[in-house]
Amino acid sequence: MKPRIELLKDKKLIGYKLKMSLTNNKTAQLWGQMAPKIKDIKNRVSTDKISMQIYDASYYKTFNPNNEFEKWATVEVHNFNHTPKDMETFILSGGKYAVFDYKGSSADNSIFQYIFMSWLPNSEYQLDNRPHFEVLGEKYKNNDPNFEEEIWIPIKKK
């Protein structure tokens, strides 16, 4: 699977965040909080949902499934003028990303093993210390073997 390389412009995001680890995964809880409130968010750019992860700079250098990171359940908006009171805002700074169009079950982590163990080490890029995210579009269905999402990995030249 070969990614496309994209230069992302800044995005304004609204949603919720939680600290978690791979062994203490709270993704279902996070999206359970977000999903019923999406309809209350004004000025959305699209119907896409964005699942974002913010890792410490050393996260992948000293990988341990118990290491915590910050996960966000968000949507993109044109501005923050109508932010619901209990939600937070985040400006995702632009930059270069490798974008993988993935089709398969969200429970299958082999795509991430491929990205980080095969594609990235053999590419002209290295991981950049910026947020990682997935765009969950209209074809996204959690745990469906035929679901589709875009996986955005921050990169820079080696």
C-alpha atoms as a PDB file:
ATOM      1  CA  MET A   1       0.000   0.000   0.000  1.00  0.00           C
ATOM      2  CA  LYS A   2       1.537   3.260  -1.137  1.00  0.00           C
ATOM      3  CA  PRO A   3       0.391   6.486   0.537  1.00  0.00           C
ATOM      4  CA  ARG A   4      -0.196   9.803  -1.099  1.00  0.00           C
ATOM      5  CA  ILE A   5       1.867  12.679   0.300  1.00  0.00           C
ATOM      6  CA  GLU A   6      -0.192  15.751   1.169  1.00  0.00           C
ATOM      7  CA  LEU A   7       0.591  19.201   2.500  1.00  0.00           C
ATOM      8  CA  LEU A   8      -2.143  19.858   5.059  1.00  0.00           C
ATOM      9  CA  LYS A   9      -3.415  23.359   5.804  1.00  0.00           C
ATOM     10  CA  ASP A  10      -4.340  24.300   9.379  1.00  0.00           C
ATOM     11  CA  LYS A  11      -7.628  22.811  10.595  1.00  0.00           C
ATOM     12  CA  LYS A  12      -9.899  24.088  13.356  1.00  0.00           C
ATOM     13  CA  LEU A  13     -11.278  21.203  15.403  1.00  0.00           C
ATOM     14  CA  ILE A  14     -13.919  20.960  18.136  1.00  0.00           C
ATOM     15  CA  GLY A  15     -14.466  17.953  20.357  1.00  0.00           C
ATOM     16  CA  TYR A  16     -13.437  16.025  23.446  1.00  0.00           C
ATOM     17  CA  LYS A  17     -10.122  14.566  24.576  1.00  0.00           C
ATOM     18  CA  LEU A  18      -8.988  11.861  26.986  1.00  0.00           C
ATOM     19  CA  LYS A  19      -5.641  10.507  28.149  1.00  0.00           C
ATOM     20  CA  MET A  20      -5.289   6.809  27.398  1.00  0.00           C
ATOM     21  CA  SER A  21      -2.859   4.079  26.391  1.00  0.00           C
ATOM     22  CA  LEU A  22      -3.184   1.156  24.025  1.00  0.00           C
ATOM     23  CA  THR A  23      -3.637  -1.161  27.017  1.00  0.00           C
ATOM     24  CA  ASN A  24      -6.185   1.201  28.607  1.00  0.00           C
ATOM     25  CA  ASN A  25      -8.012   2.201  25.446  1.00  0.00           C
ATOM     26  CA  LYS A  26     -10.922   4.595  26.075  1.00  0.00           C
ATOM     27  CA  THR A  27     -11.764   5.301  22.428  1.00  0.00           C
ATOM     28  CA  ALA A  28     -15.303   3.893  22.705  1.00  0.00           C
ATOM     29  CA  GLN A  29     -15.962   6.047  25.788  1.00  0.00           C
ATOM     30  CA  LEU A  30     -14.594   9.143  24.023  1.00  0.00           C
ATOM     31  CA  TRP A  31     -16.691   8.683  20.873  1.00  0.00           C
ATOM     32  CA  GLY A  32     -19.680   7.676  23.014  1.00  0.00           C
ATOM     33  CA  GLN A  33     -19.472  11.136  24.578  1.00  0.00           C
ATOM     34  CA  MET A  34     -18.949  12.890  21.226  1.00  0.00           C
ATOM     35  CA  ALA A  35     -21.376  11.126  18.858  1.00  0.00           C
ATOM     36  CA  PRO A  36     -24.692  12.370  20.297  1.00  0.00           C
ATOM     37  CA  LYS A  37     -23.430  15.974  20.404  1.00  0.00           C
ATOM     38  CA  ILE A  38     -22.092  16.266  16.856  1.00  0.00           C
ATOM     39  CA  LYS A  39     -25.445  17.572  15.647  1.00  0.00           C
ATOM     40  CA  ASP A  40     -25.080  20.544  18.051  1.00  0.00           C
ATOM     41  CA  ILE A  41     -21.871  21.770  16.401  1.00  0.00           C
ATOM     42  CA  LYS A  42     -22.425  24.673  14.014  1.00  0.00           C
ATOM     43  CA  ASN A  43     -20.139  25.712  11.147  1.00  0.00           C
ATOM     44  CA  ARG A  44     -18.920  22.201  10.328  1.00  0.00           C
ATOM     45  CA  VAL A  45     -16.713  21.969   7.270  1.00  0.00           C
ATOM     46  CA  SER A  46     -18.011  18.488   6.350  1.00  0.00           C
ATOM     47  CA  THR A  47     -19.763  15.445   7.788  1.00  0.00           C
ATOM     48  CA  ASP A  48     -16.379  13.776   8.414  1.00  0.00           C
ATOM     49  CA  LYS A  49     -15.272  12.930  11.930  1.00  0.00           C
ATOM     50  CA  ILE A  50     -11.611  13.189  12.926  1.00  0.00           C
ATOM     51  CA  SER A  51      -9.990  10.873  15.441  1.00  0.00           C
ATOM     52  CA  MET A  52      -6.695  12.462  16.515  1.00  0.00           C
ATOM     53  CA  GLN A  53      -3.784  11.274  18.649  1.00  0.00           C
ATOM     54  CA  ILE A  54      -1.106  13.477  20.223  1.00  0.00           C
ATOM     55  CA  TYR A  55       2.006  11.590  21.288  1.00  0.00           C
ATOM     56  CA  ASP A  56       5.071  12.723  23.252  1.00  0.00           C
ATOM     57  CA  ALA A  57       8.179  13.066  21.082  1.00  0.00           C
ATOM     58  CA  SER A  58       9.619   9.873  22.620  1.00  0.00           C
ATOM     59  CA  TYR A  59       6.447   7.778  22.203  1.00  0.00           C
ATOM     60  CA  TYR A  60       7.667   5.766  19.197  1.00  0.00           C
ATOM     61  CA  LYS A  61      11.341   5.784  20.223  1.00  0.00           C
ATOM     62  CA  THR A  62      10.557   3.970  23.465  1.00  0.00           C
ATOM     63  CA  PHE A  63       7.329   2.296  22.413  1.00  0.00           C
ATOM     64  CA  ASN A  64       5.395   0.649  25.194  1.00  0.00           C
ATOM     65  CA  PRO A  65       1.653  -0.109  24.915  1.00  0.00           C
ATOM     66  CA  ASN A  66       1.246   1.263  28.476  1.00  0.00           C
ATOM     67  CA  ASN A  67       2.557   4.728  27.516  1.00  0.00           C
ATOM     68  CA  GLU A  68      -0.197   7.324  27.584  1.00  0.00           C
ATOM     69  CA  PHE A  69      -1.159   9.707  24.811  1.00  0.00           C
ATOM     70  CA  GLU A  70      -3.950  12.206  24.269  1.00  0.00           C
ATOM     71  CA  LYS A  71      -6.806  11.125  22.007  1.00  0.00           C
ATOM     72  CA  TRP A  72      -9.403  13.486  20.563  1.00  0.00           C
ATOM     73  CA  ALA A  73     -12.835  12.853  19.032  1.00  0.00           C
ATOM     74  CA  THR A  74     -13.470  15.893  16.807  1.00  0.00           C
ATOM     75  CA  VAL A  75     -15.070  17.499  13.808  1.00  0.00           C
ATOM     76  CA  GLU A  76     -13.623  20.281  11.672  1.00  0.00           C
ATOM     77  CA  VAL A  77     -15.274  23.710  11.773  1.00  0.00           C
ATOM     78  CA  HIS A  78     -14.860  26.983   9.870  1.00  0.00           C
ATOM     79  CA  ASN A  79     -14.434  28.923  13.142  1.00  0.00           C
ATOM     80  CA  PHE A  80     -14.861  28.596  16.895  1.00  0.00           C
ATOM     81  CA  ASN A  81     -17.738  31.112  17.166  1.00  0.00           C
ATOM     82  CA  HIS A  82     -20.320  28.487  18.199  1.00  0.00           C
ATOM     83  CA  THR A  83     -18.285  26.085  20.339  1.00  0.00           C
ATOM     84  CA  PRO A  84     -20.521  24.117  22.718  1.00  0.00           C
ATOM     85  CA  LYS A  85     -19.649  25.022  26.316  1.00  0.00           C
ATOM     86  CA  ASP A  86     -18.428  21.568  27.357  1.00  0.00           C
ATOM     87  CA  MET A  87     -16.213  21.005  24.270  1.00  0.00           C
ATOM     88  CA  GLU A  88     -12.627  22.020  23.632  1.00  0.00           C
ATOM     89  CA  THR A  89     -11.004  23.572  20.578  1.00  0.00           C
ATOM     90  CA  PHE A  90      -7.774  22.602  18.858  1.00  0.00           C
ATOM     91  CA  ILE A  91      -5.895  24.097  15.911  1.00  0.00           C
ATOM     92  CA  LEU A  92      -4.217  21.306  13.984  1.00  0.00           C
ATOM     93  CA  SER A  93      -1.177  22.966  12.422  1.00  0.00           C
ATOM     94  CA  GLY A  94      -0.524  22.182   8.812  1.00  0.00           C
ATOM     95  CA  GLY A  95       2.394  20.213   7.456  1.00  0.00           C
ATOM     96  CA  LYS A  96       3.390  17.224   5.366  1.00  0.00           C
ATOM     97  CA  TYR A  97       1.492  13.949   5.875  1.00  0.00           C
ATOM     98  CA  ALA A  98       1.556  10.461   4.414  1.00  0.00           C
ATOM     99  CA  VAL A  99      -2.080   9.523   3.812  1.00  0.00           C
ATOM    100  CA  PHE A 100      -3.059   5.866   3.704  1.00  0.00           C
ATOM    101  CA  ASP A 101      -6.478   4.947   2.305  1.00  0.00           C
ATOM    102  CA  TYR A 102      -7.372   1.992   4.489  1.00  0.00           C
ATOM    103  CA  LYS A 103     -10.186  -0.489   4.013  1.00  0.00           C
ATOM    104  CA  GLY A 104     -10.767  -3.177   6.638  1.00  0.00           C
ATOM    105  CA  SER A 105     -11.739  -3.711  10.246  1.00  0.00           C
ATOM    106  CA  SER A 106     -10.806  -1.030  12.777  1.00  0.00           C
ATOM    107  CA  ALA A 107      -9.862  -3.883  15.118  1.00  0.00           C
ATOM    108  CA  ASP A 108      -7.058  -4.949  12.747  1.00  0.00           C
ATOM    109  CA  ASN A 109      -3.841  -3.109  13.656  1.00  0.00           C
ATOM    110  CA  SER A 110      -1.736  -4.638  10.868  1.00  0.00           C
ATOM    111  CA  ILE A 111      -1.970  -1.403   8.850  1.00  0.00           C
ATOM    112  CA  PHE A 112      -0.080   0.429  11.606  1.00  0.00           C
ATOM    113  CA  GLN A 113       2.533  -2.329  11.782  1.00  0.00           C
ATOM    114  CA  TYR A 114       2.995  -1.939   8.024  1.00  0.00           C
ATOM    115  CA  ILE A 115       3.253   1.868   8.231  1.00  0.00           C
ATOM    116  CA  PHE A 116       5.749   2.021  11.097  1.00  0.00           C
ATOM    117  CA  MET A 117       7.725  -1.202  10.555  1.00  0.00           C
ATOM    118  CA  SER A 118       7.855  -1.373   6.761  1.00  0.00           C
ATOM    119  CA  TRP A 119       6.778   1.717   4.835  1.00  0.00           C
ATOM    120  CA  LEU A 120       8.291   4.463   7.003  1.00  0.00           C
ATOM    121  CA  PRO A 121      11.767   2.904   7.501  1.00  0.00           C
ATOM    122  CA  ASN A 122      12.021   2.212   3.758  1.00  0.00           C
ATOM    123  CA  SER A 123      10.779   5.639   2.656  1.00  0.00           C
ATOM    124  CA  GLU A 124      12.598   8.947   2.280  1.00  0.00           C
ATOM    125  CA  TYR A 125      10.664  10.224   5.319  1.00  0.00           C
ATOM    126  CA  GLN A 126      10.773  10.045   9.074  1.00  0.00           C
ATOM    127  CA  LEU A 127       8.074  10.609  11.645  1.00  0.00           C
ATOM    128  CA  ASP A 128       7.447  14.247  12.545  1.00  0.00           C
ATOM    129  CA  ASN A 129       6.341  15.228  16.054  1.00  0.00           C
ATOM    130  CA  ARG A 130       2.855  16.456  15.195  1.00  0.00           C
ATOM    131  CA  PRO A 131      -0.615  14.982  15.732  1.00  0.00           C
ATOM    132  CA  HIS A 132      -1.621  11.783  13.923  1.00  0.00           C
ATOM    133  CA  PHE A 133      -5.243  11.456  12.840  1.00  0.00           C
ATOM    134  CA  GLU A 134      -7.809   9.429  10.965  1.00  0.00           C
ATOM    135  CA  VAL A 135     -10.581  10.889   8.836  1.00  0.00           C
ATOM    136  CA  LEU A 136     -13.754   8.894   9.363  1.00  0.00           C
ATOM    137  CA  GLY A 137     -15.923   9.671   6.367  1.00  0.00           C
ATOM    138  CA  GLU A 138     -19.283   8.426   5.153  1.00  0.00           C
ATOM    139  CA  LYS A 139     -17.923   4.917   4.467  1.00  0.00           C
ATOM    140  CA  TYR A 140     -16.679   4.474   8.034  1.00  0.00           C
ATOM    141  CA  LYS A 141     -18.418   1.800  10.109  1.00  0.00           C
ATOM    142  CA  ASN A 142     -16.689   0.769  13.325  1.00  0.00           C
ATOM    143  CA  ASN A 143     -15.494  -2.869  13.358  1.00  0.00           C
ATOM    144  CA  ASP A 144     -16.967  -3.529   9.888  1.00  0.00           C
ATOM    145  CA  PRO A 145     -14.465  -5.486   7.734  1.00  0.00           C
ATOM    146  CA  ASN A 146     -15.352  -3.260   4.755  1.00  0.00           C
ATOM    147  CA  PHE A 147     -15.124   0.127   6.402  1.00  0.00           C
ATOM    148  CA  GLU A 148     -12.907   2.867   4.940  1.00  0.00           C
ATOM    149  CA  GLU A 149     -10.867   5.613   6.548  1.00  0.00           C
ATOM    150  CA  GLU A 150      -7.895   7.813   5.788  1.00  0.00           C
ATOM    151  CA  ILE A 151      -4.897   7.451   8.099  1.00  0.00           C
ATOM    152  CA  TRP A 152      -2.768  10.640   8.264  1.00  0.00           C
ATOM    153  CA  ILE A 153       0.814  10.193   9.547  1.00  0.00           C
ATOM    154  CA  PRO A 154       2.968  13.339  10.082  1.00  0.00           C
ATOM    155  CA  ILE A 155       6.242  13.114   8.177  1.00  0.00           C
ATOM    156  CA  LYS A 156       9.357  15.090   7.264  1.00  0.00           C
ATOM    157  CA  LYS A 157      12.327  14.336   5.016  1.00  0.00           C
ATOM    158  CA  LYS A 158      15.093  12.191   6.535  1.00  0.00           C
END
